[in-house]
Protein backbone atom coordinates (compact mmCIF):
# COMPACT_ATOMS: atom_id res chain seq x y z
CA MET A 1 -6.85 -21.30 9.49
CA ASN A 2 -10.62 -21.14 9.41
CA GLY A 3 -12.26 -24.58 9.21
CA ASN A 4 -14.59 -23.62 6.35
CA PRO A 5 -13.62 -25.90 3.39
CA ARG A 6 -14.20 -23.14 0.84
CA ARG A 7 -11.81 -20.84 2.67
CA ARG A 8 -9.19 -23.59 3.02
CA VAL A 9 -9.32 -24.22 -0.72
CA LEU A 10 -9.05 -20.48 -1.43
CA ALA A 11 -5.99 -20.16 0.82
CA LEU A 12 -4.27 -23.12 -0.82
CA LEU A 13 -5.00 -21.77 -4.29
CA ILE A 14 -3.51 -18.40 -3.37
CA LEU A 15 -0.33 -20.00 -2.02
CA ALA A 16 0.02 -22.34 -5.00
CA THR A 17 -0.51 -19.53 -7.51
CA ILE A 18 2.15 -17.31 -5.91
CA ILE A 19 4.75 -20.08 -5.85
CA LEU A 20 4.05 -21.60 -9.27
CA THR A 21 4.13 -18.27 -11.09
CA ALA A 22 7.50 -17.18 -9.66
CA CYS A 23 9.14 -18.10 -12.97
CA ALA A 24 6.17 -17.67 -15.32
CA PRO A 25 6.65 -15.72 -18.57
CA ALA A 26 4.73 -12.50 -18.93
CA ILE A 27 3.63 -9.89 -21.38
CA ASN A 28 4.73 -6.30 -20.75
CA PRO A 29 1.51 -4.27 -21.07
CA GLY A 30 3.33 -1.44 -22.77
CA THR A 31 5.23 -3.42 -25.38
CA GLY A 32 3.60 -6.82 -25.82
CA GLU A 33 7.05 -8.39 -25.49
CA THR A 34 8.20 -11.11 -23.13
CA THR A 35 10.56 -9.60 -20.56
CA VAL A 36 13.97 -10.87 -19.43
CA PRO A 37 15.23 -10.33 -15.86
CA THR A 38 17.82 -7.61 -15.26
CA GLU A 39 18.86 -5.64 -12.23
CA GLY A 40 19.03 -1.94 -11.54
CA THR A 41 19.09 0.63 -8.76
CA ALA A 42 17.69 4.14 -8.63
CA ASP A 43 20.02 7.12 -8.41
CA PRO A 44 20.57 8.08 -4.74
CA THR A 45 19.68 11.79 -4.69
CA SER A 46 17.56 12.75 -1.72
CA PRO A 47 17.76 14.49 1.66
CA SER A 48 17.81 12.40 4.79
CA VAL A 49 14.36 11.36 5.97
CA ALA A 50 14.47 8.04 7.79
CA THR A 51 14.75 8.39 11.54
CA PRO A 52 15.46 5.93 14.36
CA SER A 53 12.53 4.74 16.40
CA GLU A 54 12.46 4.99 20.18
CA ALA A 55 11.69 1.27 20.44
CA ASP A 56 14.49 -0.74 22.05
CA PRO A 57 15.54 -3.92 20.21
CA ILE A 58 14.68 -7.14 22.00
CA GLY A 59 17.99 -8.75 21.08
CA SER A 60 21.52 -7.50 21.45
CA PRO A 61 24.64 -7.54 19.22
CA GLY A 62 26.72 -10.69 19.44
CA CYS A 63 24.14 -12.90 21.13
CA GLU A 64 24.95 -16.62 21.16
CA ASP A 65 21.61 -17.91 19.84
CA PRO A 66 18.98 -15.41 18.70
CA PHE A 67 16.39 -18.21 18.44
CA ALA A 68 16.94 -19.82 21.84
CA GLY A 69 13.65 -21.17 23.17
CA VAL A 70 11.75 -20.14 20.03
CA SER A 71 10.31 -22.40 17.36
CA ILE A 72 10.68 -20.27 14.24
CA GLU A 73 8.43 -20.71 11.20
CA PHE A 74 10.65 -19.07 8.58
CA SER A 75 13.93 -19.97 6.93
CA THR A 76 17.27 -18.36 7.78
CA PHE A 77 19.00 -20.08 4.86
CA TYR A 78 19.14 -16.99 2.63
CA TRP A 79 20.09 -14.46 5.27
CA ASP A 80 23.84 -14.62 5.88
CA ARG A 81 24.12 -10.83 6.41
CA THR A 82 21.04 -10.41 8.62
CA ASP A 83 21.87 -9.76 12.27
CA PHE A 84 19.18 -11.86 13.94
CA CYS A 85 20.48 -10.84 17.35
CA LEU A 86 18.77 -7.48 16.81
CA HIS A 87 15.00 -7.51 16.55
CA SER A 88 12.08 -5.48 17.91
CA VAL A 89 9.34 -8.11 17.56
CA ASP A 90 9.05 -11.68 18.81
CA TYR A 91 10.16 -14.21 16.23
CA ASP A 92 7.11 -16.38 16.79
CA GLU A 93 5.05 -13.59 15.17
CA ILE A 94 6.82 -14.05 11.81
CA LEU A 95 5.69 -16.71 9.34
CA SER A 96 6.92 -17.82 5.94
CA GLY A 97 4.48 -16.85 3.20
CA GLY A 98 5.83 -19.55 0.87
CA PRO A 99 8.09 -17.86 -1.73
CA PRO A 100 11.83 -17.33 -1.08
CA PRO A 101 13.36 -13.84 -0.95
CA ASP A 102 12.34 -11.95 -4.11
CA GLY A 103 10.30 -14.95 -5.23
CA ILE A 104 7.76 -12.18 -5.70
CA PRO A 105 10.21 -10.01 -7.64
CA PRO A 106 10.38 -6.29 -6.87
CA ILE A 107 10.81 -3.83 -9.73
CA ASP A 108 14.13 -1.98 -9.72
CA ASP A 109 14.04 -0.58 -13.23
CA PRO A 110 10.43 0.37 -13.88
CA VAL A 111 9.16 0.92 -17.41
CA PHE A 112 6.49 3.60 -17.91
CA ASP A 113 3.87 4.26 -20.55
CA SER A 114 2.19 7.52 -21.44
CA VAL A 115 -1.49 7.92 -20.55
CA GLU A 116 -2.38 7.40 -24.19
CA GLU A 117 -0.38 4.17 -24.37
CA ALA A 118 -1.72 2.85 -21.06
CA SER A 119 -5.31 3.49 -22.13
CA GLU A 120 -4.89 0.66 -24.63
CA TRP A 121 -4.57 -1.89 -21.83
CA LEU A 122 -6.16 -0.30 -18.74
CA GLY A 123 -9.92 -0.25 -18.20
CA ASP A 124 -11.59 2.92 -16.89
CA ARG A 125 -12.63 1.36 -13.56
CA TRP A 126 -9.38 -0.48 -12.88
CA PRO A 127 -7.54 0.68 -9.73
CA VAL A 128 -4.20 2.44 -9.88
CA MET A 129 -2.02 3.66 -7.04
CA VAL A 130 -1.21 7.37 -7.48
CA PHE A 131 1.84 9.17 -6.15
CA GLU A 132 3.01 12.72 -6.91
CA TRP A 133 6.18 14.52 -5.92
CA ASN A 134 7.55 17.83 -7.23
CA GLY A 135 5.08 17.84 -10.10
CA ASP A 136 5.97 14.31 -11.20
CA THR A 137 2.74 12.25 -11.07
CA ARG A 138 2.76 8.50 -11.62
CA ALA A 139 0.19 5.72 -11.61
CA TYR A 140 1.03 2.19 -10.53
CA PRO A 141 -1.74 -0.21 -11.69
CA LEU A 142 -2.63 -2.81 -9.09
CA LEU A 143 -2.79 -5.45 -11.84
CA ILE A 144 0.99 -5.02 -12.03
CA MET A 145 1.69 -4.29 -8.35
CA VAL A 146 -0.04 -7.51 -7.28
CA TRP A 147 2.75 -9.49 -8.99
CA HIS A 148 5.67 -7.43 -7.65
CA GLU A 149 4.51 -5.74 -4.41
CA ILE A 150 7.52 -3.38 -4.41
CA VAL A 151 8.78 -0.79 -6.91
CA ASN A 152 12.04 1.01 -6.19
CA ASP A 153 11.60 4.26 -8.07
CA VAL A 154 12.76 7.89 -8.25
CA VAL A 155 9.85 10.35 -8.50
CA GLY A 156 10.46 14.08 -8.77
CA ASP A 157 14.14 13.41 -7.93
CA LEU A 158 13.11 11.65 -4.70
CA PRO A 159 14.06 7.96 -4.23
CA VAL A 160 10.92 6.20 -3.06
CA THR A 161 9.61 2.70 -2.54
CA ILE A 162 6.08 2.03 -3.78
CA THR A 163 4.57 -0.95 -1.95
CA PHE A 164 1.41 -3.04 -2.14
CA CYS A 165 0.51 -5.96 0.12
CA PRO A 166 -2.49 -7.74 -1.47
CA LEU A 167 -3.19 -9.74 1.68
CA CYS A 168 -3.80 -6.51 3.64
CA ASN A 169 -4.78 -4.22 0.76
CA ALA A 170 -1.97 -1.99 2.01
CA THR A 171 -0.66 0.52 -0.55
CA ILE A 172 2.10 2.59 1.06
CA VAL A 173 4.86 4.87 -0.27
CA PHE A 174 8.11 5.45 1.62
CA ASP A 175 11.06 7.77 1.21
CA ARG A 176 14.02 5.39 1.19
CA THR A 177 16.97 7.58 2.18
CA LEU A 178 18.70 7.11 5.55
CA PRO A 179 20.12 9.98 7.66
CA ASP A 180 23.66 9.05 6.59
CA GLY A 181 22.73 9.56 2.93
CA ARG A 182 22.46 5.90 1.98
CA VAL A 183 19.58 5.10 -0.33
CA LEU A 184 18.06 1.71 0.37
CA ASP A 185 16.40 -0.47 -2.20
CA PHE A 186 13.92 -3.04 -1.03
CA GLY A 187 12.90 -6.58 -1.86
CA THR A 188 10.30 -9.06 -0.66
CA SER A 189 11.53 -11.34 2.13
CA GLY A 190 8.90 -14.02 1.56
CA ASN A 191 7.80 -13.61 5.17
CA LEU A 192 4.71 -12.16 6.80
CA ARG A 193 3.68 -10.72 10.15
CA ASN A 194 -0.01 -10.19 10.84
CA SER A 195 -0.46 -11.30 7.22
CA ASP A 196 1.48 -8.20 6.13
CA LEU A 197 4.48 -8.06 3.82
CA ILE A 198 7.91 -8.04 5.43
CA MET A 199 10.37 -6.24 3.15
CA TYR A 200 14.15 -6.36 3.35
CA ASP A 201 16.78 -3.87 2.28
CA ARG A 202 19.57 -5.14 0.07
CA GLN A 203 22.21 -2.97 1.73
CA THR A 204 22.07 -4.56 5.22
CA GLU A 205 19.45 -7.31 4.78
CA SER A 206 17.48 -5.87 7.66
CA TRP A 207 13.78 -6.81 7.65
CA TRP A 208 11.10 -4.11 7.51
CA GLN A 209 7.40 -4.21 8.33
CA GLN A 210 5.56 -2.71 5.36
CA PHE A 211 2.56 -1.65 7.44
CA THR A 212 4.62 0.41 9.89
CA GLY A 213 7.69 1.31 7.81
CA GLU A 214 9.93 0.18 10.66
CA ALA A 215 12.94 -2.13 10.58
CA ILE A 216 12.07 -5.03 12.88
CA VAL A 217 15.05 -7.38 12.39
CA GLY A 218 18.73 -6.77 11.70
CA GLU A 219 21.29 -3.99 11.78
CA LEU A 220 18.77 -1.19 11.19
CA THR A 221 16.23 -2.40 13.77
CA GLY A 222 14.26 0.57 15.09
CA THR A 223 14.83 2.77 12.04
CA GLN A 224 11.63 4.37 10.78
CA LEU A 225 11.00 5.29 7.14
CA ARG A 226 8.92 8.38 6.34
CA PHE A 227 5.43 7.76 4.96
CA LEU A 228 4.42 9.76 1.89
CA PRO A 229 0.80 10.43 0.80
CA SER A 230 -0.72 8.29 -1.95
CA GLN A 231 -4.14 6.99 -2.92
CA ILE A 232 -5.91 4.31 -4.95
CA ILE A 233 -8.04 5.73 -7.74
CA ALA A 234 -9.85 4.60 -10.89
CA TRP A 235 -7.87 4.78 -14.11
CA ALA A 236 -10.56 7.05 -15.63
CA ASP A 237 -10.00 9.65 -12.91
CA PHE A 238 -6.23 9.52 -13.29
CA LYS A 239 -6.15 9.94 -17.05
CA GLU A 240 -8.67 12.80 -16.91
CA ASN A 241 -6.77 14.73 -14.27
CA TYR A 242 -3.18 13.85 -15.18
CA PRO A 243 -3.02 13.55 -19.00
CA GLU A 244 0.77 14.04 -18.87
CA GLY A 245 1.25 11.50 -16.07
CA ARG A 246 3.35 8.37 -16.37
CA VAL A 247 2.00 4.85 -15.89
CA LEU A 248 3.92 1.80 -14.70
CA ALA A 249 3.88 -0.72 -17.54
CA GLY A 250 6.03 -3.38 -15.88
CA ALA A 251 9.74 -3.98 -15.43
CA SER A 252 12.67 -4.27 -17.75
CA GLY A 253 12.89 -7.82 -16.65
CA SER A 254 10.54 -9.42 -14.12
CA PRO A 255 8.35 -12.00 -15.83
CA ARG A 256 4.83 -12.18 -14.42
CA PRO A 257 1.41 -12.96 -15.91
CA TYR A 258 -0.01 -9.44 -15.80
CA GLY A 259 -3.78 -9.36 -16.11
CA GLN A 260 -4.26 -12.59 -14.14
CA MET A 261 -5.37 -12.26 -10.53
CA PRO A 262 -3.85 -14.70 -8.01
CA TYR A 263 -6.16 -13.59 -5.19
CA ILE A 264 -9.61 -13.82 -6.81
CA GLY A 265 -12.28 -13.86 -4.10
CA TYR A 266 -9.85 -13.23 -1.26
CA ASP A 267 -11.41 -9.87 -0.36
CA ASP A 268 -14.95 -11.20 -0.17
CA ILE A 269 -16.45 -9.57 2.92
CA ASP A 270 -17.19 -13.01 4.46
CA ASN A 271 -13.67 -14.38 4.04
CA SER A 272 -10.94 -14.73 6.63
CA PRO A 273 -7.39 -13.37 6.21
CA PHE A 274 -4.63 -15.62 4.91
CA LEU A 275 -1.81 -16.64 7.28
CA PHE A 276 -3.11 -14.42 10.08
CA ARG A 277 -2.80 -15.79 13.61
CA GLY A 278 -3.73 -12.76 15.62
CA GLU A 279 -7.03 -12.12 17.30
CA LEU A 280 -9.56 -10.58 14.93
CA ASP A 281 -11.20 -7.34 16.05
CA ASP A 282 -14.88 -8.12 15.53
CA ARG A 283 -16.06 -4.51 15.59
CA LEU A 284 -16.00 -4.75 11.78
CA PRO A 285 -15.80 -7.67 9.34
CA ALA A 286 -12.16 -8.69 8.89
CA MET A 287 -12.15 -7.88 5.16
CA GLU A 288 -14.00 -4.56 5.41
CA ARG A 289 -12.02 -1.83 3.67
CA VAL A 290 -11.31 1.22 5.79
CA ALA A 291 -9.76 4.59 5.02
CA ALA A 292 -7.43 4.77 7.99
CA LEU A 293 -4.94 7.22 9.40
CA LYS A 294 -3.17 8.10 12.62
CA ILE A 295 -2.59 11.64 13.82
CA GLU A 296 -0.35 11.89 16.86
CA GLU A 297 -1.63 9.08 19.09
CA THR A 298 -5.14 8.82 17.68
CA ALA A 299 -5.89 6.21 15.03
CA VAL A 300 -9.20 6.46 13.16
CA ALA A 301 -10.83 4.17 10.60
CA PHE A 302 -13.63 5.17 8.22
CA PRO A 303 -15.43 2.02 6.94
CA PHE A 304 -16.14 1.95 3.20
CA SER A 305 -19.60 0.56 3.92
CA LEU A 306 -20.46 3.87 5.61
CA LEU A 307 -18.44 6.12 3.31
CA SER A 308 -20.33 4.81 0.30
CA GLU A 309 -23.55 6.04 1.91
CA VAL A 310 -22.45 9.52 3.00
CA GLN A 311 -19.62 10.17 0.46
CA VAL A 312 -18.16 12.96 2.63
CA VAL A 313 -17.04 13.00 6.26
CA ASN A 314 -15.95 16.21 8.00
CA ASP A 315 -14.08 15.33 11.16
CA THR A 316 -11.47 16.55 13.62
CA VAL A 317 -8.74 14.18 14.85
CA SER A 318 -6.20 15.29 17.46
CA GLY A 319 -6.93 18.91 16.57
CA GLU A 320 -6.58 18.32 12.80
CA ASP A 321 -9.66 19.36 10.82
CA LEU A 322 -9.91 16.81 8.00
CA VAL A 323 -12.27 15.58 5.33
CA VAL A 324 -12.67 12.14 3.79
CA PHE A 325 -14.00 12.02 0.22
CA TRP A 326 -15.47 8.83 -1.25
CA LYS A 327 -16.19 8.43 -4.96
CA SER A 328 -17.69 5.47 -6.82
CA GLY A 329 -16.23 3.98 -9.97
CA THR A 330 -13.21 1.94 -8.78
CA ILE A 331 -13.30 -1.86 -8.78
CA SER A 332 -11.39 -4.21 -6.50
CA GLY A 333 -7.78 -4.80 -7.46
CA LEU A 334 -8.28 -8.49 -6.65
CA ASP A 335 -11.24 -9.18 -8.95
CA PRO A 336 -10.78 -11.01 -12.28
CA LEU A 337 -10.29 -8.36 -14.93
CA GLY A 338 -12.76 -8.37 -17.80
CA ALA A 339 -15.46 -10.20 -15.84
CA GLU A 340 -19.02 -8.93 -15.73
CA GLY A 341 -20.62 -7.44 -12.63
CA LEU A 342 -17.40 -6.42 -10.89
CA ARG A 343 -17.88 -4.85 -7.47
CA ASP A 344 -17.71 -1.08 -7.21
CA ILE A 345 -15.41 -0.57 -4.23
CA GLY A 346 -14.95 3.16 -4.74
CA SER A 347 -11.94 5.26 -3.82
CA THR A 348 -11.08 7.81 -1.17
CA GLY A 349 -9.03 10.92 -0.53
CA VAL A 350 -8.18 12.26 2.94
CA TYR A 351 -7.26 15.93 3.26
CA SER A 352 -6.86 18.82 5.65
CA ARG A 353 -9.89 21.14 5.61
CA GLN A 354 -7.71 24.17 6.21
CA VAL A 355 -7.22 26.46 3.19
CA GLY A 356 -5.41 29.65 4.11
CA ASP A 357 -7.18 31.05 7.15
CA GLN A 358 -10.43 29.19 6.37
CA THR A 359 -11.64 25.87 7.70
CA LEU A 360 -13.93 24.45 5.04
CA THR A 361 -16.92 22.16 5.44
CA PHE A 362 -17.77 19.83 2.57
CA ARG A 363 -20.77 18.03 1.14
CA ALA A 364 -21.25 15.67 -1.82
CA ALA A 365 -22.13 17.23 -5.19
CA GLU A 366 -22.74 14.68 -7.99
CA GLY A 367 -19.30 13.11 -8.24
CA LEU A 368 -17.59 16.21 -6.87
CA PHE A 369 -17.45 17.82 -3.43
CA GLU A 370 -18.67 21.33 -2.58
CA ASP A 371 -17.43 23.45 0.28
CA ILE A 372 -20.26 25.26 2.04
CA GLU A 373 -18.21 28.37 2.81
CA THR A 374 -17.43 29.43 -0.80
CA GLY A 375 -19.43 27.07 -3.01
CA SER A 376 -16.26 25.88 -4.76
CA LEU A 377 -16.28 22.39 -6.26
CA TRP A 378 -13.46 19.93 -5.53
CA ASN A 379 -12.52 16.59 -7.07
CA ILE A 380 -11.32 13.34 -5.49
CA PHE A 381 -7.72 14.56 -5.76
CA GLY A 382 -8.44 17.51 -3.46
CA LEU A 383 -8.27 20.06 -6.30
CA ALA A 384 -10.81 22.89 -6.59
CA VAL A 385 -12.08 22.75 -10.20
CA ASP A 386 -14.73 25.49 -10.06
CA GLY A 387 -15.75 28.45 -7.92
CA PRO A 388 -13.88 31.14 -5.98
CA LEU A 389 -11.16 28.72 -4.86
CA ALA A 390 -10.60 27.13 -8.30
CA GLY A 391 -6.97 26.02 -8.63
CA SER A 392 -6.50 25.61 -4.89
CA ARG A 393 -5.45 22.22 -3.59
CA LEU A 394 -6.15 20.62 -0.22
CA GLU A 395 -3.20 19.23 1.71
CA SER A 396 -3.08 15.44 1.46
CA LEU A 397 -2.87 13.55 4.74
CA VAL A 398 -1.07 10.22 4.96
CA SER A 399 -3.77 7.58 4.91
CA ALA A 400 -4.47 4.26 3.22
CA GLU A 401 -7.27 1.90 2.28
CA HIS A 402 -6.57 -1.23 4.34
CA PHE A 403 -8.49 -4.33 5.25
CA TRP A 404 -9.82 -3.81 8.77
CA PHE A 405 -8.18 -6.92 10.27
CA ALA A 406 -4.71 -5.68 9.34
CA TRP A 407 -5.16 -2.10 10.48
CA ALA A 408 -6.64 -3.29 13.79
CA ALA A 409 -3.76 -5.73 14.33
CA PHE A 410 -1.23 -2.89 14.22
CA GLU A 411 -3.50 -0.20 15.72
CA PRO A 412 -5.78 -2.04 18.18
CA ASP A 413 -6.96 1.18 19.88
CA THR A 414 -8.42 2.56 16.64
CA VAL A 415 -11.58 4.65 16.85
CA ILE A 416 -14.12 3.60 14.22
CA TRP A 417 -16.04 6.51 12.73
CA SER A 418 -19.82 6.23 12.59
CA ALA A 419 -22.47 8.60 11.27
CA THR A 420 -24.08 8.72 14.72
CA GLY A 421 -20.84 9.59 16.45
C-alpha cells in the first residue's frame, strides 16, 4: 500500500466501513421502511449464452493439495463445494477484501420504483446504471449498487446479473444462463484480484472474475459469460428518455445504509487503488476514468480528461467504425450525496457509426450530437431525436467506464486514444 498517510487512512476507513455496515439497518428508498432479509431466485428462462473459454485450467481434478507451495491470502473456510484443484489463475493473485461471502449482500429479489416515485429520492445529476433488453429498460442507481455490487435480475425475460465494483468503477451486465440451460445466480465472494470483485455462483461455488466474466476457480473454470451493453448516465437523462422505465429501489431484504457513501474520496485522481498489488501502468493516472472496449484483439481506452474536451470521438477499431459520445451532467457515484460542488464526471455512450448502408461522422451540438451526413441530432443513448434519421438508433457496443489501473491490469496492451493520434 502507498506510504502516504492520507491514503493509508482512506484505505482503512473504506475497509472498516464495508465490514461494520454488513449488518446495518437501512431505509428502502421506495418505501421508507426498514427491510428484512429474505432470499429469492429469478425464473430461469433464457437461451444458452455462456461458452467455455479456450484457457486451460492450471490445476486438475482430484489433486492432493491445490495450495502446495503457495501462501494464500484468502479463507477457504466457507467453500466446501468449491473445487480448488481447478483454477486458471495463480492463487497468490487473489486477496481477501475483508467481508465474508455475501458480507456485501447481492440482491436476489429486487424491488423497483416508477420514474415518478424514484424522482422523490434521486437527484438529477446522480449516476444510474442503465440496461435495456426487449423493450424493458431499467435503471440501477449507484447509491444502491455500491452497497450490494450484484443484482440477480430478469430483464425482458432474460436472466441477467447486474454488477458494480466500486474499487474499479466497473459496471458490467452478464447473461447468466449456461449452455446446459442452468441459470446461475451470483454472490460476492469477499475476495479480490487486481482490486476487482470476484463473484461466485451459488450452484457450483465456482469463482468468477467480474472484470472478465470468466470462471477462474472451481468446477466451471474456463466458462465465459456473455457481456451485454450498459452505460452509466445521469438520472435526469434517464427519466427524460425513459419515463416508463423501472428503477431499482433496493431489495426485499438486504439492509444497507443507502445514501451513505463508503468510498468518499477514493476516486480522487491523485489516489492509489485499494488492495492492488500489480504494477501500475503510468501512461495515465491510476484513477483516471476511461471509456474502454475491446474489439477482436484490440483494446482501446478513451480517457475522460480528453473526452470532456472534445465530447465526440469518431474512430475505427479492428475494422469497426465507432463513435464515443461524452455528455456533462453526471457526478461521481462515490461522492457524498447532497454535498456542494460535486465533481461533474460526465457520462459516455459507445456506438457503431453504421446506420443502414451509411457510415456516419459525428460532432458535438449543444448537449446532443449531429451527424455530418444528414444533419440528424442524436442523444447520449444513441437515439436520433431530430432530422432525417429521427427514430433511428445506433447499435450499442459493449464498453464500460473503468478506472485506468484496473482496465490496464487486465488489458495491458491497450491503445490509449489521443486527439493527436
